[in-house]
Amino acid sequence: MPHIEPLSRDDLPQYADQFALVEAAMGFIPTSMLTMARIPALFEGFSSLAFAVNSLGEIDRELFQLVAHVASRAAGCQYCQAHTAAAASHLGTAAEKLEAVWEFETDDRFNAAERSALRLARDAAQVPNLTTRAHFDELAEHFTEKQILHIVACISLFGYLNRWNDTMATALEDEPREFAEAHLASQGWAAGKHG
């Protein structure tokens, strides 16, 4: 049960355009946004940041979702793990690859570029942050500076979302919950407080 109830989409007609964009991209409106909308400036600021990070276009959409997923897994946010895994699947990532994502260091389904990005995601999401210069030296072998900045922006955006959703006990929507129940149990995913 969430600590603060989200508003209804019907209560927020002023955000119809933003909701339409989010729904077109995700297939639903995240409950977290409906809770943030209780403070319009927070909702608007978050929406602007999320749109900017999501639309940079410097890295592939699938890699973006895998980076977000690994960062969320490292942070322990099951709400965001469900969202990012379902989104990666919609973009064409095979379920088997998603199920093996935590084994990215050794699994043949991940190439060297993906490994460097996912390693940064895992280590940057730790508290305290475990990134070193070596992460960036390795990333530079595969990505441009703008692509590296996009990867870090993705990790940072999900750092906010991980803290928000775990703290608020945000209720998980049906679509990502069903995907997570079917494909993430081997990673220790369980609905828990986001049921």
N, C-alpha and C. Protein backbone atom coordinates (compact mmCIF):
# COMPACT_ATOMS: atom_id res chain seq x y z
N MET A 1 0.84 -1.18 0.00
CA MET A 1 0.00 0.00 0.00
C MET A 1 0.89 1.25 0.00
N PRO A 2 0.61 2.17 -0.92
CA PRO A 2 1.45 3.37 -0.98
C PRO A 2 1.31 4.22 0.28
N HIS A 3 2.36 4.93 0.62
CA HIS A 3 2.33 5.79 1.80
C HIS A 3 1.49 7.04 1.57
N ILE A 4 1.44 7.52 0.34
CA ILE A 4 0.57 8.64 -0.04
C ILE A 4 -0.12 8.23 -1.32
N GLU A 5 -1.43 8.31 -1.33
CA GLU A 5 -2.22 7.88 -2.49
C GLU A 5 -1.97 8.77 -3.70
N PRO A 6 -1.81 8.16 -4.87
CA PRO A 6 -1.68 8.96 -6.09
C PRO A 6 -3.02 9.60 -6.45
N LEU A 7 -2.93 10.67 -7.22
CA LEU A 7 -4.15 11.26 -7.75
C LEU A 7 -4.64 10.41 -8.92
N SER A 8 -5.85 10.66 -9.33
CA SER A 8 -6.38 10.00 -10.52
C SER A 8 -6.02 10.85 -11.74
N ARG A 9 -5.85 10.20 -12.85
CA ARG A 9 -5.60 10.92 -14.09
C ARG A 9 -6.75 11.91 -14.36
N ASP A 10 -7.94 11.54 -14.01
CA ASP A 10 -9.10 12.42 -14.20
C ASP A 10 -9.01 13.69 -13.38
N ASP A 11 -8.24 13.65 -12.28
CA ASP A 11 -8.06 14.83 -11.44
C ASP A 11 -7.05 15.82 -12.03
N LEU A 12 -6.40 15.43 -13.13
CA LEU A 12 -5.27 16.20 -13.66
C LEU A 12 -5.44 16.54 -15.14
N PRO A 13 -6.56 17.15 -15.52
CA PRO A 13 -6.77 17.44 -16.95
C PRO A 13 -5.71 18.38 -17.54
N GLN A 14 -5.07 19.18 -16.70
CA GLN A 14 -4.04 20.10 -17.19
C GLN A 14 -2.80 19.37 -17.72
N TYR A 15 -2.67 18.08 -17.40
CA TYR A 15 -1.52 17.31 -17.85
C TYR A 15 -1.90 16.29 -18.93
N ALA A 16 -3.03 16.48 -19.57
CA ALA A 16 -3.50 15.53 -20.58
C ALA A 16 -2.47 15.31 -21.68
N ASP A 17 -1.82 16.37 -22.14
CA ASP A 17 -0.84 16.23 -23.21
C ASP A 17 0.38 15.42 -22.76
N GLN A 18 0.89 15.70 -21.55
CA GLN A 18 2.03 14.93 -21.03
C GLN A 18 1.66 13.46 -20.84
N PHE A 19 0.46 13.23 -20.29
CA PHE A 19 0.02 11.86 -20.08
C PHE A 19 -0.12 11.11 -21.40
N ALA A 20 -0.60 11.78 -22.43
CA ALA A 20 -0.74 11.14 -23.74
C ALA A 20 0.63 10.71 -24.28
N LEU A 21 1.65 11.57 -24.12
CA LEU A 21 3.00 11.22 -24.57
C LEU A 21 3.56 10.02 -23.79
N VAL A 22 3.37 10.06 -22.48
CA VAL A 22 3.88 8.97 -21.63
C VAL A 22 3.16 7.68 -21.97
N GLU A 23 1.86 7.75 -22.11
CA GLU A 23 1.08 6.56 -22.42
C GLU A 23 1.45 5.98 -23.79
N ALA A 24 1.71 6.85 -24.75
CA ALA A 24 2.13 6.38 -26.08
C ALA A 24 3.47 5.65 -26.00
N ALA A 25 4.36 6.13 -25.15
CA ALA A 25 5.68 5.52 -25.02
C ALA A 25 5.67 4.26 -24.16
N MET A 26 4.89 4.27 -23.08
CA MET A 26 4.94 3.18 -22.11
C MET A 26 3.73 2.24 -22.14
N GLY A 27 2.62 2.74 -22.65
CA GLY A 27 1.39 1.94 -22.65
C GLY A 27 0.52 2.18 -21.44
N PHE A 28 0.98 2.98 -20.50
CA PHE A 28 0.25 3.29 -19.27
C PHE A 28 0.88 4.52 -18.64
N ILE A 29 0.21 5.06 -17.63
CA ILE A 29 0.75 6.19 -16.87
C ILE A 29 1.34 5.63 -15.58
N PRO A 30 2.63 5.86 -15.32
CA PRO A 30 3.22 5.36 -14.08
C PRO A 30 2.56 5.98 -12.85
N THR A 31 2.28 5.14 -11.90
CA THR A 31 1.68 5.58 -10.64
C THR A 31 2.55 6.63 -9.97
N SER A 32 3.85 6.51 -10.11
CA SER A 32 4.76 7.47 -9.48
C SER A 32 4.47 8.90 -9.96
N MET A 33 4.15 9.06 -11.24
CA MET A 33 3.85 10.39 -11.76
C MET A 33 2.56 10.94 -11.17
N LEU A 34 1.60 10.06 -10.94
CA LEU A 34 0.32 10.50 -10.37
C LEU A 34 0.49 10.93 -8.91
N THR A 35 1.48 10.38 -8.23
CA THR A 35 1.77 10.84 -6.87
C THR A 35 2.54 12.15 -6.91
N MET A 36 3.55 12.24 -7.80
CA MET A 36 4.31 13.49 -7.93
C MET A 36 3.39 14.66 -8.29
N ALA A 37 2.32 14.39 -9.02
CA ALA A 37 1.42 15.45 -9.47
C ALA A 37 0.70 16.14 -8.32
N ARG A 38 0.79 15.60 -7.12
CA ARG A 38 0.22 16.29 -5.95
C ARG A 38 0.94 17.62 -5.71
N ILE A 39 2.18 17.72 -6.22
CA ILE A 39 2.93 18.98 -6.17
C ILE A 39 3.24 19.33 -7.62
N PRO A 40 2.45 20.21 -8.23
CA PRO A 40 2.62 20.50 -9.66
C PRO A 40 4.05 20.85 -10.08
N ALA A 41 4.76 21.64 -9.31
CA ALA A 41 6.13 22.01 -9.70
C ALA A 41 7.04 20.79 -9.73
N LEU A 42 6.84 19.84 -8.83
CA LEU A 42 7.63 18.61 -8.81
C LEU A 42 7.31 17.78 -10.04
N PHE A 43 6.04 17.60 -10.33
CA PHE A 43 5.62 16.83 -11.50
C PHE A 43 6.18 17.45 -12.78
N GLU A 44 6.05 18.75 -12.90
CA GLU A 44 6.50 19.44 -14.12
C GLU A 44 8.02 19.38 -14.27
N GLY A 45 8.74 19.57 -13.16
CA GLY A 45 10.20 19.50 -13.21
C GLY A 45 10.68 18.09 -13.54
N PHE A 46 10.08 17.10 -12.89
CA PHE A 46 10.46 15.72 -13.18
C PHE A 46 10.13 15.37 -14.63
N SER A 47 8.96 15.76 -15.09
CA SER A 47 8.55 15.45 -16.47
C SER A 47 9.53 16.05 -17.47
N SER A 48 9.96 17.27 -17.22
CA SER A 48 10.92 17.91 -18.13
C SER A 48 12.25 17.17 -18.12
N LEU A 49 12.74 16.82 -16.94
CA LEU A 49 14.00 16.09 -16.85
C LEU A 49 13.88 14.72 -17.52
N ALA A 50 12.83 13.99 -17.20
CA ALA A 50 12.65 12.65 -17.76
C ALA A 50 12.55 12.72 -19.29
N PHE A 51 11.82 13.69 -19.81
CA PHE A 51 11.71 13.84 -21.25
C PHE A 51 13.08 14.14 -21.87
N ALA A 52 13.83 15.03 -21.24
CA ALA A 52 15.16 15.38 -21.76
C ALA A 52 16.08 14.16 -21.79
N VAL A 53 16.13 13.43 -20.69
CA VAL A 53 17.02 12.26 -20.61
C VAL A 53 16.59 11.19 -21.60
N ASN A 54 15.28 10.96 -21.69
CA ASN A 54 14.78 9.92 -22.59
C ASN A 54 14.92 10.28 -24.06
N SER A 55 14.98 11.54 -24.38
CA SER A 55 15.00 11.93 -25.79
C SER A 55 16.37 12.39 -26.28
N LEU A 56 17.42 12.20 -25.50
CA LEU A 56 18.75 12.62 -25.94
C LEU A 56 19.19 11.91 -27.22
N GLY A 57 18.82 10.66 -27.35
CA GLY A 57 19.13 9.93 -28.56
C GLY A 57 20.59 9.56 -28.77
N GLU A 58 21.39 9.64 -27.73
CA GLU A 58 22.82 9.33 -27.88
C GLU A 58 23.10 7.84 -27.78
N ILE A 59 22.27 7.10 -27.05
CA ILE A 59 22.46 5.65 -26.95
C ILE A 59 21.18 4.96 -27.41
N ASP A 60 21.32 3.75 -27.81
CA ASP A 60 20.22 2.90 -28.26
C ASP A 60 19.18 2.76 -27.15
N ARG A 61 17.90 2.73 -27.51
CA ARG A 61 16.81 2.63 -26.52
C ARG A 61 16.90 1.34 -25.69
N GLU A 62 17.29 0.25 -26.32
CA GLU A 62 17.41 -1.00 -25.56
C GLU A 62 18.52 -0.90 -24.53
N LEU A 63 19.65 -0.35 -24.93
CA LEU A 63 20.75 -0.19 -23.97
C LEU A 63 20.32 0.75 -22.84
N PHE A 64 19.61 1.81 -23.18
CA PHE A 64 19.10 2.73 -22.16
C PHE A 64 18.30 1.96 -21.11
N GLN A 65 17.39 1.10 -21.55
CA GLN A 65 16.55 0.35 -20.61
C GLN A 65 17.37 -0.67 -19.82
N LEU A 66 18.37 -1.29 -20.45
CA LEU A 66 19.21 -2.23 -19.72
C LEU A 66 20.04 -1.51 -18.66
N VAL A 67 20.57 -0.34 -19.00
CA VAL A 67 21.32 0.46 -18.02
C VAL A 67 20.40 0.83 -16.86
N ALA A 68 19.20 1.31 -17.17
CA ALA A 68 18.23 1.68 -16.13
C ALA A 68 17.87 0.47 -15.28
N HIS A 69 17.75 -0.68 -15.91
CA HIS A 69 17.38 -1.90 -15.18
C HIS A 69 18.49 -2.32 -14.21
N VAL A 70 19.73 -2.35 -14.70
CA VAL A 70 20.83 -2.77 -13.84
C VAL A 70 21.03 -1.77 -12.69
N ALA A 71 20.93 -0.48 -12.98
CA ALA A 71 21.04 0.52 -11.91
C ALA A 71 19.93 0.32 -10.88
N SER A 72 18.72 0.05 -11.35
CA SER A 72 17.59 -0.17 -10.43
C SER A 72 17.76 -1.45 -9.63
N ARG A 73 18.30 -2.47 -10.27
CA ARG A 73 18.56 -3.73 -9.55
C ARG A 73 19.62 -3.51 -8.48
N ALA A 74 20.68 -2.80 -8.83
CA ALA A 74 21.74 -2.53 -7.86
C ALA A 74 21.22 -1.72 -6.68
N ALA A 75 20.27 -0.82 -6.96
CA ALA A 75 19.69 0.00 -5.90
C ALA A 75 18.59 -0.74 -5.14
N GLY A 76 18.11 -1.85 -5.69
CA GLY A 76 17.09 -2.64 -5.03
C GLY A 76 15.66 -2.21 -5.31
N CYS A 77 15.43 -1.37 -6.31
CA CYS A 77 14.08 -0.87 -6.59
C CYS A 77 13.34 -1.83 -7.52
N GLN A 78 12.45 -2.61 -6.95
CA GLN A 78 11.73 -3.59 -7.75
C GLN A 78 10.69 -2.94 -8.66
N TYR A 79 10.14 -1.81 -8.26
CA TYR A 79 9.21 -1.07 -9.12
C TYR A 79 9.91 -0.70 -10.43
N CYS A 80 11.08 -0.10 -10.35
CA CYS A 80 11.80 0.31 -11.55
C CYS A 80 12.38 -0.88 -12.31
N GLN A 81 12.74 -1.94 -11.61
CA GLN A 81 13.19 -3.15 -12.31
C GLN A 81 12.08 -3.68 -13.21
N ALA A 82 10.87 -3.71 -12.69
CA ALA A 82 9.73 -4.20 -13.48
C ALA A 82 9.49 -3.29 -14.69
N HIS A 83 9.51 -1.99 -14.46
CA HIS A 83 9.29 -1.03 -15.55
C HIS A 83 10.34 -1.17 -16.65
N THR A 84 11.60 -1.18 -16.26
CA THR A 84 12.68 -1.17 -17.24
C THR A 84 12.78 -2.50 -17.99
N ALA A 85 12.55 -3.59 -17.32
CA ALA A 85 12.58 -4.89 -18.00
C ALA A 85 11.43 -4.99 -19.00
N ALA A 86 10.24 -4.59 -18.61
CA ALA A 86 9.10 -4.62 -19.53
C ALA A 86 9.34 -3.70 -20.72
N ALA A 87 9.91 -2.53 -20.48
CA ALA A 87 10.20 -1.59 -21.56
C ALA A 87 11.25 -2.17 -22.52
N ALA A 88 12.29 -2.79 -21.98
CA ALA A 88 13.31 -3.41 -22.83
C ALA A 88 12.70 -4.52 -23.68
N SER A 89 11.81 -5.28 -23.11
CA SER A 89 11.14 -6.34 -23.85
C SER A 89 10.31 -5.77 -25.00
N HIS A 90 9.60 -4.68 -24.73
CA HIS A 90 8.81 -4.03 -25.79
C HIS A 90 9.70 -3.53 -26.93
N LEU A 91 10.94 -3.20 -26.61
CA LEU A 91 11.88 -2.71 -27.62
C LEU A 91 12.58 -3.84 -28.37
N GLY A 92 12.30 -5.08 -27.97
CA GLY A 92 12.87 -6.22 -28.69
C GLY A 92 13.92 -7.01 -27.96
N THR A 93 14.26 -6.64 -26.72
CA THR A 93 15.24 -7.41 -25.96
C THR A 93 14.63 -8.77 -25.61
N ALA A 94 15.32 -9.82 -25.92
CA ALA A 94 14.83 -11.17 -25.64
C ALA A 94 14.68 -11.39 -24.13
N ALA A 95 13.63 -12.11 -23.75
CA ALA A 95 13.38 -12.40 -22.34
C ALA A 95 14.58 -13.10 -21.71
N GLU A 96 15.24 -13.97 -22.46
CA GLU A 96 16.40 -14.70 -21.93
C GLU A 96 17.56 -13.75 -21.61
N LYS A 97 17.72 -12.73 -22.43
CA LYS A 97 18.77 -11.76 -22.16
C LYS A 97 18.43 -10.95 -20.91
N LEU A 98 17.16 -10.58 -20.75
CA LEU A 98 16.75 -9.85 -19.55
C LEU A 98 16.92 -10.71 -18.30
N GLU A 99 16.60 -11.98 -18.42
CA GLU A 99 16.74 -12.88 -17.28
C GLU A 99 18.21 -13.07 -16.89
N ALA A 100 19.11 -12.89 -17.86
CA ALA A 100 20.55 -13.08 -17.61
C ALA A 100 21.28 -11.76 -17.37
N VAL A 101 20.55 -10.64 -17.29
CA VAL A 101 21.21 -9.33 -17.27
C VAL A 101 22.17 -9.17 -16.08
N TRP A 102 21.89 -9.76 -14.97
CA TRP A 102 22.78 -9.61 -13.83
C TRP A 102 24.06 -10.42 -14.02
N GLU A 103 24.07 -11.29 -15.01
CA GLU A 103 25.26 -12.08 -15.34
C GLU A 103 25.97 -11.48 -16.55
N PHE A 104 25.76 -10.18 -16.79
CA PHE A 104 26.30 -9.53 -17.98
C PHE A 104 27.81 -9.66 -18.11
N GLU A 105 28.51 -9.79 -17.00
CA GLU A 105 29.98 -9.88 -17.04
C GLU A 105 30.46 -11.12 -17.79
N THR A 106 29.68 -12.21 -17.72
CA THR A 106 30.14 -13.48 -18.29
C THR A 106 29.21 -14.05 -19.36
N ASP A 107 27.99 -13.54 -19.46
CA ASP A 107 27.02 -14.09 -20.41
C ASP A 107 27.33 -13.62 -21.83
N ASP A 108 27.36 -14.56 -22.76
CA ASP A 108 27.71 -14.26 -24.16
C ASP A 108 26.69 -13.38 -24.88
N ARG A 109 25.54 -13.20 -24.31
CA ARG A 109 24.53 -12.34 -24.94
C ARG A 109 24.89 -10.86 -24.84
N PHE A 110 25.88 -10.52 -24.03
CA PHE A 110 26.30 -9.13 -23.83
C PHE A 110 27.65 -8.90 -24.46
N ASN A 111 27.74 -7.84 -25.25
CA ASN A 111 29.02 -7.52 -25.88
C ASN A 111 29.84 -6.60 -24.97
N ALA A 112 31.06 -6.29 -25.40
CA ALA A 112 31.98 -5.50 -24.56
C ALA A 112 31.43 -4.11 -24.27
N ALA A 113 30.79 -3.48 -25.24
CA ALA A 113 30.22 -2.15 -25.03
C ALA A 113 29.10 -2.19 -23.99
N GLU A 114 28.20 -3.17 -24.12
CA GLU A 114 27.13 -3.31 -23.14
C GLU A 114 27.70 -3.59 -21.76
N ARG A 115 28.69 -4.44 -21.69
CA ARG A 115 29.29 -4.76 -20.39
C ARG A 115 29.84 -3.52 -19.71
N SER A 116 30.52 -2.67 -20.48
CA SER A 116 31.09 -1.47 -19.86
C SER A 116 29.99 -0.54 -19.36
N ALA A 117 28.90 -0.40 -20.11
CA ALA A 117 27.80 0.46 -19.68
C ALA A 117 27.07 -0.12 -18.48
N LEU A 118 26.85 -1.43 -18.49
CA LEU A 118 26.14 -2.07 -17.38
C LEU A 118 27.00 -2.12 -16.12
N ARG A 119 28.30 -2.25 -16.29
CA ARG A 119 29.22 -2.20 -15.13
C ARG A 119 29.15 -0.83 -14.46
N LEU A 120 29.14 0.23 -15.29
CA LEU A 120 29.01 1.58 -14.74
C LEU A 120 27.67 1.72 -14.02
N ALA A 121 26.58 1.22 -14.63
CA ALA A 121 25.26 1.32 -14.02
C ALA A 121 25.22 0.62 -12.66
N ARG A 122 25.76 -0.58 -12.61
CA ARG A 122 25.78 -1.34 -11.35
C ARG A 122 26.58 -0.61 -10.28
N ASP A 123 27.77 -0.14 -10.65
CA ASP A 123 28.65 0.46 -9.66
C ASP A 123 28.25 1.88 -9.28
N ALA A 124 27.67 2.62 -10.20
CA ALA A 124 27.22 3.99 -9.89
C ALA A 124 25.99 3.98 -9.00
N ALA A 125 25.20 2.91 -9.05
CA ALA A 125 23.98 2.85 -8.24
C ALA A 125 24.25 2.38 -6.81
N GLN A 126 25.47 1.96 -6.54
CA GLN A 126 25.81 1.52 -5.19
C GLN A 126 25.93 2.72 -4.25
N VAL A 127 25.74 2.47 -2.98
CA VAL A 127 25.96 3.50 -1.97
C VAL A 127 26.97 2.92 -0.98
N PRO A 128 28.17 3.50 -0.93
CA PRO A 128 28.63 4.65 -1.70
C PRO A 128 28.92 4.26 -3.15
N ASN A 129 28.97 5.24 -4.01
CA ASN A 129 29.22 5.06 -5.43
C ASN A 129 30.58 4.39 -5.62
N LEU A 130 30.62 3.37 -6.48
CA LEU A 130 31.84 2.59 -6.66
C LEU A 130 32.56 2.86 -7.98
N THR A 131 32.18 3.92 -8.69
CA THR A 131 32.82 4.18 -9.97
C THR A 131 34.24 4.72 -9.80
N THR A 132 35.05 4.40 -10.78
CA THR A 132 36.45 4.86 -10.80
C THR A 132 36.78 5.38 -12.19
N ARG A 133 37.95 5.92 -12.34
CA ARG A 133 38.42 6.40 -13.65
C ARG A 133 38.44 5.24 -14.65
N ALA A 134 38.72 4.03 -14.17
CA ALA A 134 38.78 2.87 -15.07
C ALA A 134 37.45 2.63 -15.78
N HIS A 135 36.33 2.90 -15.10
CA HIS A 135 35.03 2.77 -15.77
C HIS A 135 34.98 3.65 -17.00
N PHE A 136 35.42 4.88 -16.85
CA PHE A 136 35.32 5.84 -17.94
C PHE A 136 36.36 5.57 -19.04
N ASP A 137 37.51 5.06 -18.67
CA ASP A 137 38.49 4.67 -19.68
C ASP A 137 37.93 3.54 -20.55
N GLU A 138 37.28 2.59 -19.90
CA GLU A 138 36.69 1.49 -20.64
C GLU A 138 35.51 1.96 -21.50
N LEU A 139 34.65 2.80 -20.95
CA LEU A 139 33.53 3.34 -21.72
C LEU A 139 34.02 4.07 -22.97
N ALA A 140 35.11 4.81 -22.85
CA ALA A 140 35.65 5.59 -23.97
C ALA A 140 36.10 4.71 -25.14
N GLU A 141 36.32 3.43 -24.87
CA GLU A 141 36.67 2.50 -25.95
C GLU A 141 35.47 2.18 -26.83
N HIS A 142 34.26 2.44 -26.33
CA HIS A 142 33.04 2.03 -27.03
C HIS A 142 32.07 3.17 -27.33
N PHE A 143 32.17 4.26 -26.56
CA PHE A 143 31.17 5.32 -26.64
C PHE A 143 31.82 6.69 -26.76
N THR A 144 31.11 7.62 -27.39
CA THR A 144 31.55 9.02 -27.44
C THR A 144 31.28 9.68 -26.09
N GLU A 145 31.80 10.87 -25.91
CA GLU A 145 31.54 11.60 -24.66
C GLU A 145 30.04 11.84 -24.47
N LYS A 146 29.34 12.22 -25.53
CA LYS A 146 27.90 12.46 -25.41
C LYS A 146 27.15 11.19 -25.05
N GLN A 147 27.57 10.06 -25.61
CA GLN A 147 26.93 8.79 -25.26
C GLN A 147 27.19 8.45 -23.79
N ILE A 148 28.40 8.70 -23.32
CA ILE A 148 28.71 8.44 -21.90
C ILE A 148 27.86 9.33 -21.01
N LEU A 149 27.72 10.59 -21.40
CA LEU A 149 26.86 11.49 -20.62
C LEU A 149 25.42 11.01 -20.61
N HIS A 150 24.94 10.46 -21.72
CA HIS A 150 23.58 9.93 -21.76
C HIS A 150 23.44 8.73 -20.82
N ILE A 151 24.43 7.87 -20.80
CA ILE A 151 24.41 6.72 -19.89
C ILE A 151 24.36 7.20 -18.43
N VAL A 152 25.20 8.17 -18.09
CA VAL A 152 25.21 8.70 -16.72
C VAL A 152 23.88 9.40 -16.41
N ALA A 153 23.31 10.11 -17.37
CA ALA A 153 22.02 10.76 -17.16
C ALA A 153 20.93 9.73 -16.89
N CYS A 154 20.97 8.62 -17.61
CA CYS A 154 20.01 7.53 -17.39
C CYS A 154 20.14 6.98 -15.97
N ILE A 155 21.36 6.68 -15.57
CA ILE A 155 21.61 6.15 -14.22
C ILE A 155 21.12 7.14 -13.16
N SER A 156 21.39 8.41 -13.37
CA SER A 156 21.00 9.45 -12.41
C SER A 156 19.49 9.62 -12.33
N LEU A 157 18.82 9.61 -13.49
CA LEU A 157 17.36 9.70 -13.50
C LEU A 157 16.75 8.54 -12.71
N PHE A 158 17.27 7.36 -12.94
CA PHE A 158 16.72 6.21 -12.22
C PHE A 158 17.14 6.18 -10.77
N GLY A 159 18.24 6.82 -10.42
CA GLY A 159 18.57 6.97 -9.00
C GLY A 159 17.47 7.73 -8.28
N TYR A 160 16.98 8.80 -8.90
CA TYR A 160 15.85 9.55 -8.33
C TYR A 160 14.61 8.66 -8.25
N LEU A 161 14.29 8.00 -9.36
CA LEU A 161 13.09 7.16 -9.38
C LEU A 161 13.19 6.01 -8.38
N ASN A 162 14.38 5.41 -8.26
CA ASN A 162 14.56 4.32 -7.29
C ASN A 162 14.26 4.79 -5.88
N ARG A 163 14.78 5.96 -5.50
CA ARG A 163 14.54 6.48 -4.16
C ARG A 163 13.07 6.85 -3.98
N TRP A 164 12.49 7.50 -4.98
CA TRP A 164 11.09 7.93 -4.90
C TRP A 164 10.18 6.71 -4.71
N ASN A 165 10.29 5.74 -5.58
CA ASN A 165 9.35 4.62 -5.58
C ASN A 165 9.52 3.69 -4.39
N ASP A 166 10.74 3.45 -3.97
CA ASP A 166 10.93 2.62 -2.78
C ASP A 166 10.44 3.34 -1.53
N THR A 167 10.72 4.62 -1.43
CA THR A 167 10.31 5.38 -0.25
C THR A 167 8.80 5.52 -0.18
N MET A 168 8.18 5.78 -1.32
CA MET A 168 6.72 6.00 -1.36
C MET A 168 5.93 4.70 -1.40
N ALA A 169 6.60 3.55 -1.58
CA ALA A 169 5.93 2.26 -1.77
C ALA A 169 4.90 2.37 -2.90
N THR A 170 5.36 2.91 -4.01
CA THR A 170 4.50 3.14 -5.17
C THR A 170 3.90 1.83 -5.66
N ALA A 171 2.60 1.83 -5.90
CA ALA A 171 1.91 0.64 -6.41
C ALA A 171 2.30 0.41 -7.86
N LEU A 172 2.69 -0.81 -8.16
CA LEU A 172 3.12 -1.18 -9.50
C LEU A 172 1.91 -1.45 -10.39
N GLU A 173 1.98 -0.96 -11.60
CA GLU A 173 0.91 -1.14 -12.57
C GLU A 173 0.88 -2.59 -13.07
N ASP A 174 -0.26 -3.00 -13.63
CA ASP A 174 -0.45 -4.40 -14.04
C ASP A 174 0.56 -4.88 -15.07
N GLU A 175 0.77 -4.12 -16.14
CA GLU A 175 1.64 -4.60 -17.23
C GLU A 175 3.06 -4.90 -16.77
N PRO A 176 3.75 -3.96 -16.12
CA PRO A 176 5.11 -4.30 -15.68
C PRO A 176 5.12 -5.38 -14.59
N ARG A 177 4.08 -5.42 -13.74
CA ARG A 177 4.03 -6.47 -12.70
C ARG A 177 3.94 -7.85 -13.36
N GLU A 178 3.07 -7.99 -14.34
CA GLU A 178 2.91 -9.29 -15.00
C GLU A 178 4.20 -9.71 -15.70
N PHE A 179 4.87 -8.77 -16.34
CA PHE A 179 6.14 -9.09 -17.00
C PHE A 179 7.17 -9.53 -15.96
N ALA A 180 7.29 -8.79 -14.88
CA ALA A 180 8.28 -9.11 -13.85
C ALA A 180 7.99 -10.47 -13.21
N GLU A 181 6.75 -10.74 -12.94
CA GLU A 181 6.39 -12.04 -12.34
C GLU A 181 6.76 -13.19 -13.26
N ALA A 182 6.63 -12.96 -14.58
CA ALA A 182 6.92 -14.02 -15.54
C ALA A 182 8.41 -14.17 -15.84
N HIS A 183 9.18 -13.08 -15.74
CA HIS A 183 10.56 -13.13 -16.23
C HIS A 183 11.66 -12.74 -15.25
N LEU A 184 11.32 -12.16 -14.11
CA LEU A 184 12.37 -11.68 -13.21
C LEU A 184 12.48 -12.44 -11.90
N ALA A 185 11.69 -13.49 -11.73
CA ALA A 185 11.74 -14.25 -10.47
C ALA A 185 13.13 -14.84 -10.26
N SER A 186 13.81 -15.22 -11.34
CA SER A 186 15.15 -15.81 -11.21
C SER A 186 16.15 -14.77 -10.68
N GLN A 187 15.81 -13.49 -10.79
CA GLN A 187 16.66 -12.42 -10.25
C GLN A 187 16.25 -12.03 -8.84
N GLY A 188 15.32 -12.76 -8.26
CA GLY A 188 14.88 -12.45 -6.91
C GLY A 188 13.77 -11.41 -6.84
N TRP A 189 13.16 -11.11 -7.99
CA TRP A 189 12.09 -10.11 -8.01
C TRP A 189 10.84 -10.68 -7.38
N ALA A 190 10.22 -9.90 -6.51
CA ALA A 190 8.92 -10.24 -5.92
C ALA A 190 8.18 -8.93 -5.70
N ALA A 191 6.88 -8.93 -5.88
CA ALA A 191 6.09 -7.69 -5.83
C ALA A 191 6.31 -6.91 -4.53
N GLY A 192 6.41 -7.59 -3.42
CA GLY A 192 6.69 -6.94 -2.15
C GLY A 192 5.82 -5.74 -1.88
N LYS A 193 6.45 -4.63 -1.45
CA LYS A 193 5.69 -3.43 -1.07
C LYS A 193 5.10 -2.72 -2.28
N HIS A 194 5.50 -3.13 -3.49
CA HIS A 194 4.97 -2.50 -4.70
C HIS A 194 3.82 -3.31 -5.28
N GLY A 195 3.33 -4.28 -4.53
CA GLY A 195 2.27 -5.18 -5.00
C GLY A 195 1.12 -4.49 -5.57
